[in-house]
Amino acid sequence: MKAGRTRTLRGSFKEPISDLKRQLILDDGRNNHGLKIKSFQMWTDVTNPDVFLSASLALEETPSGLPFFDADDNRQIAWVSGAWITSAPNAATSIPFVSIIDPDHIVKGSLFIRAFGSANIIWNYLIVCEEYTLSDDEAIISLIKERSQNVS
């Protein structure tokens, strides 16, 4: 594998995200090309009271009803969650936003984000990825890994 340029994907969700799904990347058809996610962050305006968020990045669309955070699901490769609660009885409570990325993945096809969080708040995201050129063998292995082996 040979690393190439760094790319960013960024945007925001302006609609309520009770169970939002969005396709971020479409398969470009280049068999020996892939991306590795280096960073996955989400945030909102800090003046918003009582906010929470759970989100995941996946190689295939994750159907509603399945968990957001499921390490057994090979389709999921990155997760972020956190909360800021100002209406707590005694003081504001913060659960720091934490991002987890599986370092052993290559995105060859599509990339999907699925999010659940406080409604009527604009959530921003920033995904940093690195381009990779793959050998034929690496491309085949990446395609096999991209499919969930534990879901029929």
Protein backbone atom coordinates (compact mmCIF):
# COMPACT_ATOMS: atom_id res chain seq x y z
CA MET A 1 0.00 0.00 0.00
CA LYS A 2 1.26 3.41 -0.92
CA ALA A 3 -0.14 6.48 0.88
CA GLY A 4 -1.12 9.53 -1.10
CA ARG A 5 -2.82 12.83 -0.42
CA THR A 6 -4.88 13.72 2.62
CA ARG A 7 -8.54 14.51 1.94
CA THR A 8 -11.30 15.94 4.09
CA LEU A 9 -15.04 15.40 4.06
CA ARG A 10 -16.98 17.98 5.99
CA GLY A 11 -20.49 19.23 6.26
CA SER A 12 -23.40 19.59 8.60
CA PHE A 13 -26.79 18.13 9.38
CA LYS A 14 -29.36 20.91 9.51
CA GLU A 15 -32.34 18.60 9.78
CA PRO A 16 -33.40 16.78 12.98
CA ILE A 17 -31.20 13.73 13.36
CA SER A 18 -33.35 11.27 15.27
CA ASP A 19 -31.97 8.49 13.03
CA LEU A 20 -30.26 10.16 10.10
CA LYS A 21 -28.38 8.29 7.41
CA ARG A 22 -26.31 9.94 4.70
CA GLN A 23 -24.08 8.57 1.99
CA LEU A 24 -20.83 10.56 1.94
CA ILE A 25 -18.76 8.82 -0.75
CA LEU A 26 -19.80 6.97 -3.87
CA ASP A 27 -17.76 4.14 -5.33
CA ASP A 28 -15.50 5.75 -7.94
CA GLY A 29 -14.88 2.44 -9.73
CA ARG A 30 -11.10 2.55 -9.32
CA ASN A 31 -10.20 -0.97 -8.16
CA ASN A 32 -6.73 -0.09 -6.82
CA HIS A 33 -7.78 3.04 -4.96
CA GLY A 34 -8.92 3.33 -1.33
CA LEU A 35 -9.22 5.69 1.59
CA LYS A 36 -8.23 5.24 5.22
CA ILE A 37 -10.13 7.26 7.82
CA LYS A 38 -7.66 9.08 10.08
CA SER A 39 -10.06 11.28 12.07
CA PHE A 40 -13.84 11.47 12.62
CA GLN A 41 -15.20 14.40 14.64
CA MET A 42 -18.66 15.87 15.23
CA TRP A 43 -19.60 19.00 17.16
CA THR A 44 -22.21 21.72 17.58
CA ASP A 45 -22.39 25.29 18.85
CA VAL A 46 -21.40 25.22 22.53
CA THR A 47 -24.21 27.62 23.44
CA ASN A 48 -26.77 24.86 22.78
CA PRO A 49 -27.96 23.44 26.12
CA ASP A 50 -28.59 19.75 26.69
CA VAL A 51 -27.11 18.15 23.61
CA PHE A 52 -26.14 14.57 22.93
CA LEU A 53 -24.93 12.66 19.89
CA SER A 54 -24.06 9.15 18.79
CA ALA A 55 -22.81 8.57 15.25
CA SER A 56 -21.01 5.92 13.24
CA LEU A 57 -19.26 5.60 9.90
CA ALA A 58 -19.96 2.45 7.93
CA LEU A 59 -18.96 0.86 4.64
CA GLU A 60 -22.57 -0.09 3.90
CA GLU A 61 -25.82 1.53 4.94
CA THR A 62 -26.71 0.30 8.43
CA PRO A 63 -30.44 -0.42 8.63
CA SER A 64 -32.59 1.32 11.25
CA GLY A 65 -33.05 -0.76 14.37
CA LEU A 66 -29.47 -2.03 14.41
CA PRO A 67 -27.12 -0.60 17.06
CA PHE A 68 -25.12 2.53 16.30
CA PHE A 69 -22.12 1.14 18.13
CA ASP A 70 -21.56 -2.51 17.23
CA ALA A 71 -17.96 -3.70 17.06
CA ASP A 72 -19.23 -7.07 15.80
CA ASP A 73 -20.55 -5.38 12.66
CA ASN A 74 -17.68 -5.29 10.14
CA ARG A 75 -19.45 -2.55 8.21
CA GLN A 76 -18.90 -0.04 11.04
CA ILE A 77 -15.38 1.44 11.11
CA ALA A 78 -15.63 4.61 13.25
CA TRP A 79 -17.79 5.95 16.06
CA VAL A 80 -18.24 9.25 17.95
CA SER A 81 -20.42 10.13 20.93
CA GLY A 82 -20.76 12.65 23.73
CA ALA A 83 -23.12 14.96 25.61
CA TRP A 84 -23.33 18.34 27.31
CA ILE A 85 -26.18 18.60 29.83
CA THR A 86 -26.72 22.01 31.45
CA SER A 87 -30.04 21.22 33.11
CA ALA A 88 -28.56 18.70 35.54
CA PRO A 89 -29.91 19.21 39.10
CA ASN A 90 -26.66 20.40 40.71
CA ALA A 91 -24.33 21.41 37.90
CA ALA A 92 -23.61 21.05 34.23
CA THR A 93 -22.50 17.58 33.24
CA SER A 94 -20.21 16.89 30.34
CA ILE A 95 -19.48 13.58 28.68
CA PRO A 96 -16.51 14.44 26.46
CA PHE A 97 -16.99 13.73 22.80
CA VAL A 98 -14.94 10.64 22.05
CA SER A 99 -14.03 9.31 18.64
CA ILE A 100 -12.96 5.72 18.00
CA ILE A 101 -11.59 4.55 14.65
CA ASP A 102 -10.78 0.99 13.66
CA PRO A 103 -7.25 1.38 12.22
CA ASP A 104 -7.53 -1.79 10.12
CA HIS A 105 -9.76 -0.73 7.24
CA ILE A 106 -9.69 0.64 3.71
CA VAL A 107 -12.76 2.30 2.20
CA LYS A 108 -13.04 1.08 -1.38
CA GLY A 109 -16.70 1.68 -2.08
CA SER A 110 -19.17 3.93 -0.35
CA LEU A 111 -19.04 5.52 3.10
CA PHE A 112 -22.15 6.18 5.17
CA ILE A 113 -22.72 8.23 8.30
CA ARG A 114 -25.55 7.35 10.68
CA ALA A 115 -26.35 9.73 13.53
CA PHE A 116 -28.74 10.03 16.43
CA GLY A 117 -28.72 13.18 18.51
CA SER A 118 -30.45 16.25 19.84
CA ALA A 119 -33.04 17.55 17.41
CA ASN A 120 -33.20 21.03 15.89
CA ILE A 121 -29.47 21.57 16.34
CA ILE A 122 -26.94 21.89 13.55
CA TRP A 123 -24.34 19.13 13.91
CA ASN A 124 -21.08 19.54 12.02
CA TYR A 125 -18.74 16.77 10.95
CA LEU A 126 -15.15 16.58 9.77
CA ILE A 127 -13.64 13.37 8.42
CA VAL A 128 -9.96 13.31 7.54
CA CYS A 129 -8.85 10.49 5.25
CA GLU A 130 -5.76 9.49 3.36
CA GLU A 131 -5.73 8.15 -0.20
CA TYR A 132 -4.03 4.82 -0.80
CA THR A 133 -2.93 3.03 -3.94
CA LEU A 134 -3.41 -0.72 -3.52
CA SER A 135 -1.83 -3.72 -5.18
CA ASP A 136 -4.25 -6.18 -6.82
CA ASP A 137 -4.02 -8.52 -3.80
CA GLU A 138 -4.61 -5.68 -1.33
CA ALA A 139 -7.62 -4.51 -3.35
CA ILE A 140 -9.18 -8.00 -3.24
CA ILE A 141 -8.61 -8.33 0.52
CA SER A 142 -10.10 -4.86 1.07
CA LEU A 143 -13.22 -5.78 -0.91
CA ILE A 144 -13.67 -8.95 1.15
CA LYS A 145 -13.21 -7.08 4.45
CA GLU A 146 -15.64 -4.39 3.31
CA ARG A 147 -18.49 -6.89 3.28
CA SER A 148 -19.89 -7.87 6.63
CA GLN A 149 -19.07 -11.51 7.19
CA ASN A 150 -21.42 -11.77 10.17
CA VAL A 151 -24.61 -10.54 8.51
CA SER A 152 -26.45 -12.65 5.95
